[in-house]
Amino acid sequence: MLFVLLCTDRPGGLQLRLDTRPAHVAYLNDLNAKGILKIAGPFLGADAKPTGSLVIVKAETLEEAKAIAEADPYAKAGLFSNVEIKAYNWVFNNPEA
């Protein structure tokens, strides 16, 4: 099953995001190598700077998706003010369909 992680950065979190990015990218690369990561990228504000993240992962349960989200270095560093996790059905342009 797929889950969407909708992550909103806390106000003033840009420097923390930049400082933590190498560890975050390494984490996502590991998830990708394991076939867990499907899509990932930042939301951008009007100034084109990151304001949050969209991550889609493959997990068996909501609890597993939550554990994946909590293990992200961005989450561990306290970057996010909110993380919403939703089950997702990839209908259009799904390369695995």
PDB file of N, CA and C in Angstrom:
ATOM      1  N   MET A   1       0.845  -1.170   0.000  1.00  0.00           N
ATOM      2  CA  MET A   1       0.000   0.000   0.000  1.00  0.00           C
ATOM      3  C   MET A   1       0.896   1.242   0.000  1.00  0.00           C
ATOM      4  N   LEU A   2       0.401   2.283  -0.639  1.00  0.00           N
ATOM      5  CA  LEU A   2       1.148   3.539  -0.673  1.00  0.00           C
ATOM      6  C   LEU A   2       0.594   4.510   0.364  1.00  0.00           C
ATOM      7  N   PHE A   3       1.505   5.314   0.912  1.00  0.00           N
ATOM      8  CA  PHE A   3       1.138   6.360   1.862  1.00  0.00           C
ATOM      9  C   PHE A   3       1.827   7.657   1.477  1.00  0.00           C
ATOM     10  N   VAL A   4       1.085   8.745   1.592  1.00  0.00           N
ATOM     11  CA  VAL A   4       1.618  10.077   1.349  1.00  0.00           C
ATOM     12  C   VAL A   4       1.981  10.701   2.691  1.00  0.00           C
ATOM     13  N   LEU A   5       3.189  11.235   2.775  1.00  0.00           N
ATOM     14  CA  LEU A   5       3.621  11.986   3.951  1.00  0.00           C
ATOM     15  C   LEU A   5       3.609  13.459   3.555  1.00  0.00           C
ATOM     16  N   LEU A   6       2.700  14.209   4.121  1.00  0.00           N
ATOM     17  CA  LEU A   6       2.597  15.654   3.855  1.00  0.00           C
ATOM     18  C   LEU A   6       3.230  16.377   5.039  1.00  0.00           C
ATOM     19  N   CYS A   7       4.400  16.919   4.819  1.00  0.00           N
ATOM     20  CA  CYS A   7       5.197  17.493   5.900  1.00  0.00           C
ATOM     21  C   CYS A   7       5.291  19.011   5.733  1.00  0.00           C
ATOM     22  N   THR A   8       4.948  19.730   6.778  1.00  0.00           N
ATOM     23  CA  THR A   8       5.006  21.193   6.770  1.00  0.00           C
ATOM     24  C   THR A   8       6.149  21.652   7.663  1.00  0.00           C
ATOM     25  N   ASP A   9       7.046  22.473   7.106  1.00  0.00           N
ATOM     26  CA  ASP A   9       8.161  22.997   7.896  1.00  0.00           C
ATOM     27  C   ASP A   9       7.660  23.968   8.955  1.00  0.00           C
ATOM     28  N   ARG A  10       8.359  23.996  10.064  1.00  0.00           N
ATOM     29  CA  ARG A  10       8.034  24.983  11.085  1.00  0.00           C
ATOM     30  C   ARG A  10       8.518  26.354  10.615  1.00  0.00           C
ATOM     31  N   PRO A  11       7.890  27.413  11.080  1.00  0.00           N
ATOM     32  CA  PRO A  11       8.347  28.762  10.692  1.00  0.00           C
ATOM     33  C   PRO A  11       9.821  28.952  11.035  1.00  0.00           C
ATOM     34  N   GLY A  12      10.539  29.571  10.136  1.00  0.00           N
ATOM     35  CA  GLY A  12      11.955  29.846  10.359  1.00  0.00           C
ATOM     36  C   GLY A  12      12.843  28.620  10.272  1.00  0.00           C
ATOM     37  N   GLY A  13      12.360  27.550   9.644  1.00  0.00           N
ATOM     38  CA  GLY A  13      13.112  26.306   9.618  1.00  0.00           C
ATOM     39  C   GLY A  13      14.041  26.122   8.433  1.00  0.00           C
ATOM     40  N   LEU A  14      14.169  27.113   7.579  1.00  0.00           N
ATOM     41  CA  LEU A  14      14.965  26.935   6.367  1.00  0.00           C
ATOM     42  C   LEU A  14      16.409  26.531   6.663  1.00  0.00           C
ATOM     43  N   GLN A  15      17.072  27.192   7.609  1.00  0.00           N
ATOM     44  CA  GLN A  15      18.474  26.852   7.882  1.00  0.00           C
ATOM     45  C   GLN A  15      18.599  25.440   8.433  1.00  0.00           C
ATOM     46  N   LEU A  16      17.665  25.040   9.286  1.00  0.00           N
ATOM     47  CA  LEU A  16      17.670  23.668   9.799  1.00  0.00           C
ATOM     48  C   LEU A  16      17.500  22.680   8.648  1.00  0.00           C
ATOM     49  N   ARG A  17      16.619  22.996   7.716  1.00  0.00           N
ATOM     50  CA  ARG A  17      16.424  22.147   6.529  1.00  0.00           C
ATOM     51  C   ARG A  17      17.730  22.030   5.752  1.00  0.00           C
ATOM     52  N   LEU A  18      18.379  23.139   5.507  1.00  0.00           N
ATOM     53  CA  LEU A  18      19.623  23.123   4.740  1.00  0.00           C
ATOM     54  C   LEU A  18      20.711  22.335   5.465  1.00  0.00           C
ATOM     55  N   ASP A  19      20.805  22.523   6.769  1.00  0.00           N
ATOM     56  CA  ASP A  19      21.830  21.834   7.559  1.00  0.00           C
ATOM     57  C   ASP A  19      21.598  20.326   7.614  1.00  0.00           C
ATOM     58  N   THR A  20      20.344  19.927   7.611  1.00  0.00           N
ATOM     59  CA  THR A  20      19.974  18.518   7.769  1.00  0.00           C
ATOM     60  C   THR A  20      19.828  17.801   6.434  1.00  0.00           C
ATOM     61  N   ARG A  21      19.820  18.533   5.343  1.00  0.00           N
ATOM     62  CA  ARG A  21      19.536  17.961   4.025  1.00  0.00           C
ATOM     63  C   ARG A  21      20.430  16.786   3.648  1.00  0.00           C
ATOM     64  N   PRO A  22      21.754  16.824   3.869  1.00  0.00           N
ATOM     65  CA  PRO A  22      22.568  15.663   3.474  1.00  0.00           C
ATOM     66  C   PRO A  22      22.112  14.357   4.141  1.00  0.00           C
ATOM     67  N   ALA A  23      21.783  14.410   5.416  1.00  0.00           N
ATOM     68  CA  ALA A  23      21.312  13.211   6.119  1.00  0.00           C
ATOM     69  C   ALA A  23      19.931  12.785   5.597  1.00  0.00           C
ATOM     70  N   HIS A  24      19.078  13.762   5.323  1.00  0.00           N
ATOM     71  CA  HIS A  24      17.749  13.484   4.773  1.00  0.00           C
ATOM     72  C   HIS A  24      17.858  12.802   3.408  1.00  0.00           C
ATOM     73  N   VAL A  25      18.702  13.325   2.536  1.00  0.00           N
ATOM     74  CA  VAL A  25      18.886  12.748   1.201  1.00  0.00           C
ATOM     75  C   VAL A  25      19.460  11.329   1.306  1.00  0.00           C
ATOM     76  N   ALA A  26      20.393  11.114   2.203  1.00  0.00           N
ATOM     77  CA  ALA A  26      20.950   9.775   2.407  1.00  0.00           C
ATOM     78  C   ALA A  26      19.864   8.809   2.877  1.00  0.00           C
ATOM     79  N   TYR A  27      18.996   9.267   3.758  1.00  0.00           N
ATOM     80  CA  TYR A  27      17.886   8.444   4.239  1.00  0.00           C
ATOM     81  C   TYR A  27      16.954   8.074   3.086  1.00  0.00           C
ATOM     82  N   LEU A  28      16.610   9.066   2.270  1.00  0.00           N
ATOM     83  CA  LEU A  28      15.734   8.799   1.129  1.00  0.00           C
ATOM     84  C   LEU A  28      16.411   7.879   0.109  1.00  0.00           C
ATOM     85  N   ASN A  29      17.696   8.047  -0.104  1.00  0.00           N
ATOM     86  CA  ASN A  29      18.429   7.156  -1.013  1.00  0.00           C
ATOM     87  C   ASN A  29      18.362   5.709  -0.523  1.00  0.00           C
ATOM     88  N   ASP A  30      18.461   5.520   0.781  1.00  0.00           N
ATOM     89  CA  ASP A  30      18.368   4.175   1.358  1.00  0.00           C
ATOM     90  C   ASP A  30      16.971   3.596   1.155  1.00  0.00           C
ATOM     91  N   LEU A  31      15.939   4.414   1.410  1.00  0.00           N
ATOM     92  CA  LEU A  31      14.566   3.957   1.181  1.00  0.00           C
ATOM     93  C   LEU A  31      14.355   3.611  -0.293  1.00  0.00           C
ATOM     94  N   ASN A  32      14.926   4.403  -1.166  1.00  0.00           N
ATOM     95  CA  ASN A  32      14.803   4.164  -2.602  1.00  0.00           C
ATOM     96  C   ASN A  32      15.465   2.846  -2.994  1.00  0.00           C
ATOM     97  N   ALA A  33      16.646   2.593  -2.463  1.00  0.00           N
ATOM     98  CA  ALA A  33      17.368   1.357  -2.769  1.00  0.00           C
ATOM     99  C   ALA A  33      16.586   0.128  -2.303  1.00  0.00           C
ATOM    100  N   LYS A  34      15.795   0.284  -1.254  1.00  0.00           N
ATOM    101  CA  LYS A  34      14.988  -0.817  -0.712  1.00  0.00           C
ATOM    102  C   LYS A  34      13.634  -0.942  -1.399  1.00  0.00           C
ATOM    103  N   GLY A  35      13.330  -0.034  -2.351  1.00  0.00           N
ATOM    104  CA  GLY A  35      12.059  -0.080  -3.049  1.00  0.00           C
ATOM    105  C   GLY A  35      10.896   0.507  -2.263  1.00  0.00           C
ATOM    106  N   ILE A  36      11.185   1.225  -1.200  1.00  0.00           N
ATOM    107  CA  ILE A  36      10.147   1.816  -0.344  1.00  0.00           C
ATOM    108  C   ILE A  36       9.725   3.188  -0.846  1.00  0.00           C
ATOM    109  N   LEU A  37      10.680   3.990  -1.276  1.00  0.00           N
ATOM    110  CA  LEU A  37      10.403   5.360  -1.730  1.00  0.00           C
ATOM    111  C   LEU A  37       9.846   5.347  -3.144  1.00  0.00           C
ATOM    112  N   LYS A  38       8.753   6.079  -3.347  1.00  0.00           N
ATOM    113  CA  LYS A  38       8.160   6.197  -4.678  1.00  0.00           C
ATOM    114  C   LYS A  38       8.367   7.590  -5.266  1.00  0.00           C
ATOM    115  N   ILE A  39       8.129   8.620  -4.471  1.00  0.00           N
ATOM    116  CA  ILE A  39       8.272  10.013  -4.911  1.00  0.00           C
ATOM    117  C   ILE A  39       8.687  10.838  -3.699  1.00  0.00           C
ATOM    118  N   ALA A  40       9.500  11.857  -3.922  1.00  0.00           N
ATOM    119  CA  ALA A  40       9.832  12.777  -2.837  1.00  0.00           C
ATOM    120  C   ALA A  40      10.285  14.111  -3.414  1.00  0.00           C
ATOM    121  N   GLY A  41       9.965  15.181  -2.717  1.00  0.00           N
ATOM    122  CA  GLY A  41      10.413  16.504  -3.110  1.00  0.00           C
ATOM    123  C   GLY A  41       9.807  17.557  -2.206  1.00  0.00           C
ATOM    124  N   PRO A  42      10.373  18.756  -2.258  1.00  0.00           N
ATOM    125  CA  PRO A  42       9.905  19.828  -1.383  1.00  0.00           C
ATOM    126  C   PRO A  42       8.726  20.603  -1.971  1.00  0.00           C
ATOM    127  N   PHE A  43       7.899  21.122  -1.074  1.00  0.00           N
ATOM    128  CA  PHE A  43       6.940  22.159  -1.445  1.00  0.00           C
ATOM    129  C   PHE A  43       7.716  23.464  -1.461  1.00  0.00           C
ATOM    130  N   LEU A  44       7.345  24.380  -2.346  1.00  0.00           N
ATOM    131  CA  LEU A  44       8.038  25.663  -2.458  1.00  0.00           C
ATOM    132  C   LEU A  44       7.090  26.801  -2.140  1.00  0.00           C
ATOM    133  N   GLY A  45       7.612  27.805  -1.436  1.00  0.00           N
ATOM    134  CA  GLY A  45       6.844  29.003  -1.141  1.00  0.00           C
ATOM    135  C   GLY A  45       6.912  29.986  -2.303  1.00  0.00           C
ATOM    136  N   ALA A  46       6.281  31.138  -2.132  1.00  0.00           N
ATOM    137  CA  ALA A  46       6.256  32.174  -3.166  1.00  0.00           C
ATOM    138  C   ALA A  46       7.667  32.650  -3.524  1.00  0.00           C
ATOM    139  N   ASP A  47       8.600  32.510  -2.579  1.00  0.00           N
ATOM    140  CA  ASP A  47       9.991  32.910  -2.816  1.00  0.00           C
ATOM    141  C   ASP A  47      10.828  31.768  -3.406  1.00  0.00           C
ATOM    142  N   ALA A  48      10.162  30.650  -3.762  1.00  0.00           N
ATOM    143  CA  ALA A  48      10.793  29.460  -4.340  1.00  0.00           C
ATOM    144  C   ALA A  48      11.695  28.720  -3.354  1.00  0.00           C
ATOM    145  N   LYS A  49      11.563  29.003  -2.062  1.00  0.00           N
ATOM    146  CA  LYS A  49      12.326  28.293  -1.031  1.00  0.00           C
ATOM    147  C   LYS A  49      11.446  27.200  -0.430  1.00  0.00           C
ATOM    148  N   PRO A  50      12.049  26.092   0.009  1.00  0.00           N
ATOM    149  CA  PRO A  50      11.273  24.981   0.540  1.00  0.00           C
ATOM    150  C   PRO A  50      10.463  25.362   1.781  1.00  0.00           C
ATOM    151  N   THR A  51       9.239  24.833   1.823  1.00  0.00           N
ATOM    152  CA  THR A  51       8.343  25.076   2.964  1.00  0.00           C
ATOM    153  C   THR A  51       7.812  23.783   3.556  1.00  0.00           C
ATOM    154  N   GLY A  52       8.206  22.664   2.987  1.00  0.00           N
ATOM    155  CA  GLY A  52       7.717  21.373   3.463  1.00  0.00           C
ATOM    156  C   GLY A  52       8.128  20.298   2.480  1.00  0.00           C
ATOM    157  N   SER A  53       7.608  19.096   2.701  1.00  0.00           N
ATOM    158  CA  SER A  53       7.979  17.965   1.859  1.00  0.00           C
ATOM    159  C   SER A  53       6.770  17.111   1.526  1.00  0.00           C
ATOM    160  N   LEU A  54       6.807  16.531   0.334  1.00  0.00           N
ATOM    161  CA  LEU A  54       5.867  15.506  -0.083  1.00  0.00           C
ATOM    162  C   LEU A  54       6.682  14.248  -0.307  1.00  0.00           C
ATOM    163  N   VAL A  55       6.325  13.190   0.409  1.00  0.00           N
ATOM    164  CA  VAL A  55       7.026  11.914   0.273  1.00  0.00           C
ATOM    165  C   VAL A  55       5.964  10.834   0.125  1.00  0.00           C
ATOM    166  N   ILE A  56       6.123   9.966  -0.861  1.00  0.00           N
ATOM    167  CA  ILE A  56       5.223   8.827  -1.021  1.00  0.00           C
ATOM    168  C   ILE A  56       6.045   7.566  -0.836  1.00  0.00           C
ATOM    169  N   VAL A  57       5.575   6.716   0.080  1.00  0.00           N
ATOM    170  CA  VAL A  57       6.290   5.489   0.412  1.00  0.00           C
ATOM    171  C   VAL A  57       5.376   4.279   0.305  1.00  0.00           C
ATOM    172  N   LYS A  58       5.996   3.137   0.105  1.00  0.00           N
ATOM    173  CA  LYS A  58       5.283   1.867   0.123  1.00  0.00           C
ATOM    174  C   LYS A  58       5.465   1.271   1.513  1.00  0.00           C
ATOM    175  N   ALA A  59       4.341   0.933   2.164  1.00  0.00           N
ATOM    176  CA  ALA A  59       4.381   0.344   3.499  1.00  0.00           C
ATOM    177  C   ALA A  59       3.191  -0.591   3.656  1.00  0.00           C
ATOM    178  N   GLU A  60       3.325  -1.535   4.547  1.00  0.00           N
ATOM    179  CA  GLU A  60       2.241  -2.495   4.785  1.00  0.00           C
ATOM    180  C   GLU A  60       1.102  -1.893   5.591  1.00  0.00           C
ATOM    181  N   THR A  61       1.434  -0.998   6.520  1.00  0.00           N
ATOM    182  CA  THR A  61       0.434  -0.443   7.430  1.00  0.00           C
ATOM    183  C   THR A  61       0.684   1.042   7.664  1.00  0.00           C
ATOM    184  N   LEU A  62      -0.319   1.707   8.187  1.00  0.00           N
ATOM    185  CA  LEU A  62      -0.171   3.108   8.586  1.00  0.00           C
ATOM    186  C   LEU A  62       0.925   3.251   9.632  1.00  0.00           C
ATOM    187  N   GLU A  63       1.005   2.314  10.544  1.00  0.00           N
ATOM    188  CA  GLU A  63       2.027   2.357  11.594  1.00  0.00           C
ATOM    189  C   GLU A  63       3.436   2.283  10.997  1.00  0.00           C
ATOM    190  N   GLU A  64       3.606   1.449   9.970  1.00  0.00           N
ATOM    191  CA  GLU A  64       4.903   1.350   9.304  1.00  0.00           C
ATOM    192  C   GLU A  64       5.239   2.659   8.585  1.00  0.00           C
ATOM    193  N   ALA A  65       4.243   3.254   7.930  1.00  0.00           N
ATOM    194  CA  ALA A  65       4.463   4.549   7.266  1.00  0.00           C
ATOM    195  C   ALA A  65       4.825   5.620   8.294  1.00  0.00           C
ATOM    196  N   LYS A  66       4.168   5.584   9.440  1.00  0.00           N
ATOM    197  CA  LYS A  66       4.478   6.549  10.505  1.00  0.00           C
ATOM    198  C   LYS A  66       5.911   6.364  10.992  1.00  0.00           C
ATOM    199  N   ALA A  67       6.345   5.135  11.140  1.00  0.00           N
ATOM    200  CA  ALA A  67       7.720   4.871  11.573  1.00  0.00           C
ATOM    201  C   ALA A  67       8.728   5.376  10.546  1.00  0.00           C
ATOM    202  N   ILE A  68       8.421   5.216   9.268  1.00  0.00           N
ATOM    203  CA  ILE A  68       9.290   5.738   8.209  1.00  0.00           C
ATOM    204  C   ILE A  68       9.388   7.256   8.321  1.00  0.00           C
ATOM    205  N   ALA A  69       8.246   7.905   8.521  1.00  0.00           N
ATOM    206  CA  ALA A  69       8.220   9.369   8.650  1.00  0.00           C
ATOM    207  C   ALA A  69       9.011   9.829   9.871  1.00  0.00           C
ATOM    208  N   GLU A  70       8.851   9.138  10.976  1.00  0.00           N
ATOM    209  CA  GLU A  70       9.533   9.534  12.221  1.00  0.00           C
ATOM    210  C   GLU A  70      11.039   9.324  12.152  1.00  0.00           C
ATOM    211  N   ALA A  71      11.496   8.393  11.311  1.00  0.00           N
ATOM    212  CA  ALA A  71      12.926   8.117  11.196  1.00  0.00           C
ATOM    213  C   ALA A  71      13.645   9.086  10.253  1.00  0.00           C
ATOM    214  N   ASP A  72      12.903   9.898   9.525  1.00  0.00           N
ATOM    215  CA  ASP A  72      13.504  10.872   8.613  1.00  0.00           C
ATOM    216  C   ASP A  72      14.332  11.870   9.424  1.00  0.00           C
ATOM    217  N   PRO A  73      15.571  12.129   9.020  1.00  0.00           N
ATOM    218  CA  PRO A  73      16.394  13.099   9.746  1.00  0.00           C
ATOM    219  C   PRO A  73      15.739  14.475   9.896  1.00  0.00           C
ATOM    220  N   TYR A  74      14.952  14.904   8.920  1.00  0.00           N
ATOM    221  CA  TYR A  74      14.231  16.169   9.070  1.00  0.00           C
ATOM    222  C   TYR A  74      13.295  16.101  10.270  1.00  0.00           C
ATOM    223  N   ALA A  75      12.547  15.011  10.387  1.00  0.00           N
ATOM    224  CA  ALA A  75      11.622  14.854  11.515  1.00  0.00           C
ATOM    225  C   ALA A  75      12.388  14.778  12.832  1.00  0.00           C
ATOM    226  N   LYS A  76      13.467  14.009  12.852  1.00  0.00           N
ATOM    227  CA  LYS A  76      14.275  13.876  14.069  1.00  0.00           C
ATOM    228  C   LYS A  76      14.866  15.210  14.511  1.00  0.00           C
ATOM    229  N   ALA A  77      15.182  16.077  13.546  1.00  0.00           N
ATOM    230  CA  ALA A  77      15.765  17.390  13.851  1.00  0.00           C
ATOM    231  C   ALA A  77      14.710  18.404  14.292  1.00  0.00           C
ATOM    232  N   GLY A  78      13.435  18.044  14.171  1.00  0.00           N
ATOM    233  CA  GLY A  78      12.372  18.965  14.576  1.00  0.00           C
ATOM    234  C   GLY A  78      11.991  19.975  13.511  1.00  0.00           C
ATOM    235  N   LEU A  79      12.272  19.663  12.248  1.00  0.00           N
ATOM    236  CA  LEU A  79      11.973  20.608  11.175  1.00  0.00           C
ATOM    237  C   LEU A  79      10.478  20.801  10.954  1.00  0.00           C
ATOM    238  N   PHE A  80       9.714  19.750  11.099  1.00  0.00           N
ATOM    239  CA  PHE A  80       8.305  19.813  10.724  1.00  0.00           C
ATOM    240  C   PHE A  80       7.400  20.288  11.861  1.00  0.00           C
ATOM    241  N   SER A  81       6.492  21.197  11.529  1.00  0.00           N
ATOM    242  CA  SER A  81       5.463  21.608  12.486  1.00  0.00           C
ATOM    243  C   SER A  81       4.280  20.656  12.421  1.00  0.00           C
ATOM    244  N   ASN A  82       4.141  19.963  11.284  1.00  0.00           N
ATOM    245  CA  ASN A  82       3.029  19.039  11.114  1.00  0.00           C
ATOM    246  C   ASN A  82       3.394  17.992  10.073  1.00  0.00           C
ATOM    247  N   VAL A  83       3.002  16.756  10.346  1.00  0.00           N
ATOM    248  CA  VAL A  83       3.141  15.674   9.374  1.00  0.00           C
ATOM    249  C   VAL A  83       1.801  14.953   9.306  1.00  0.00           C
ATOM    250  N   GLU A  84       1.225  14.936   8.122  1.00  0.00           N
ATOM    251  CA  GLU A  84      -0.033  14.237   7.906  1.00  0.00           C
ATOM    252  C   GLU A  84       0.270  13.027   7.023  1.00  0.00           C
ATOM    253  N   ILE A  85      -0.255  11.876   7.401  1.00  0.00           N
ATOM    254  CA  ILE A  85      -0.019  10.645   6.653  1.00  0.00           C
ATOM    255  C   ILE A  85      -1.364  10.120   6.173  1.00  0.00           C
ATOM    256  N   LYS A  86      -1.441   9.864   4.867  1.00  0.00           N
ATOM    257  CA  LYS A  86      -2.689   9.397   4.263  1.00  0.00           C
ATOM    258  C   LYS A  86      -2.406   8.226   3.332  1.00  0.00           C
ATOM    259  N   ALA A  87      -3.302   7.242   3.343  1.00  0.00           N
ATOM    260  CA  ALA A  87      -3.224   6.169   2.357  1.00  0.00           C
ATOM    261  C   ALA A  87      -3.469   6.780   0.987  1.00  0.00           C
ATOM    262  N   TYR A  88      -2.807   6.224  -0.029  1.00  0.00           N
ATOM    263  CA  TYR A  88      -2.833   6.826  -1.356  1.00  0.00           C
ATOM    264  C   TYR A  88      -3.007   5.750  -2.420  1.00  0.00           C
ATOM    265  N   ASN A  89      -3.813   6.038  -3.431  1.00  0.00           N
ATOM    266  CA  ASN A  89      -4.010   5.160  -4.582  1.00  0.00           C
ATOM    267  C   ASN A  89      -3.489   5.872  -5.823  1.00  0.00           C
ATOM    268  N   TRP A  90      -2.355   5.432  -6.342  1.00  0.00           N
ATOM    269  CA  TRP A  90      -1.718   6.051  -7.508  1.00  0.00           C
ATOM    270  C   TRP A  90      -2.403   5.512  -8.753  1.00  0.00           C
ATOM    271  N   VAL A  91      -3.246   6.334  -9.391  1.00  0.00           N
ATOM    272  CA  VAL A  91      -4.043   5.898 -10.523  1.00  0.00           C
ATOM    273  C   VAL A  91      -3.384   6.251 -11.852  1.00  0.00           C
ATOM    274  N   PHE A  92      -3.074   7.505 -12.067  1.00  0.00           N
ATOM    275  CA  PHE A  92      -2.531   7.955 -13.355  1.00  0.00           C
ATOM    276  C   PHE A  92      -1.000   8.011 -13.316  1.00  0.00           C
ATOM    277  N   ASN A  93      -0.371   7.584 -14.413  1.00  0.00           N
ATOM    278  CA  ASN A  93       1.070   7.641 -14.604  1.00  0.00           C
ATOM    279  C   ASN A  93       1.862   6.828 -13.588  1.00  0.00           C
ATOM    280  N   ASN A  94       1.250   5.817 -13.030  1.00  0.00           N
ATOM    281  CA  ASN A  94       1.943   4.934 -12.100  1.00  0.00           C
ATOM    282  C   ASN A  94       2.807   3.978 -12.924  1.00  0.00           C
ATOM    283  N   PRO A  95       4.122   4.039 -12.784  1.00  0.00           N
ATOM    284  CA  PRO A  95       4.982   3.188 -13.613  1.00  0.00           C
ATOM    285  C   PRO A  95       4.843   1.706 -13.281  1.00  0.00           C
ATOM    286  N   GLU A  96       4.267   1.384 -12.142  1.00  0.00           N
ATOM    287  CA  GLU A  96       4.111  -0.014 -11.760  1.00  0.00           C
ATOM    288  C   GLU A  96       2.749  -0.578 -12.132  1.00  0.00           C
ATOM    289  N   ALA A  97       1.873   0.257 -12.713  1.00  0.00           N
ATOM    290  CA  ALA A  97       0.520  -0.201 -13.041  1.00  0.00           C
ATOM    291  C   ALA A  97       0.506  -1.006 -14.319  1.00  0.00           C
TER     292      ALA A  97
END
